[in-house]
Amino acid sequence: QVQLVESGGGLVQPGGSLRLSCAASGILFRFNPMGWYRQAPGKQRELVATISSTGTVDYTDAVKGRFTISRDNAKNTVYLQMDNLKPEDTAVYYCYTLRSWGQGTQVTVSS
């Protein structure tokens, strides 16, 4: 059974930074691509970033140059470093792999 546990969300001012973590269990982590999605109030869930098993990364245009996805296969953990945060980044952020979702972590960007 796949389990994904996100952490690291919170309240931050515009221009600030946060690092999200997603600890995975129940899978052969190093062999699986991982993704971060987000869902803002009243909006559909959208893909933010992905990282393949070999480390290839991709980002939605809205976060390119500000967010960085990475993975630590020794810790079965994927990260999302978010810099220069904007109010429009406010959302619940979810970790995803193998048709499984974490519980989400709230990110609020506000002054």
Foldseek 3Di string as FASTA:
>chain_A
DKAKAKDWADEAAQQAKIKMKIAIDPDQLLQWKKFKWWDDPPGDIGTAKIAHSVGDIDGDPVQPPFWDWDDDSVRNMIMIIGGRDDQVVFTWMWMDTPNDIYPTDTHGYHD
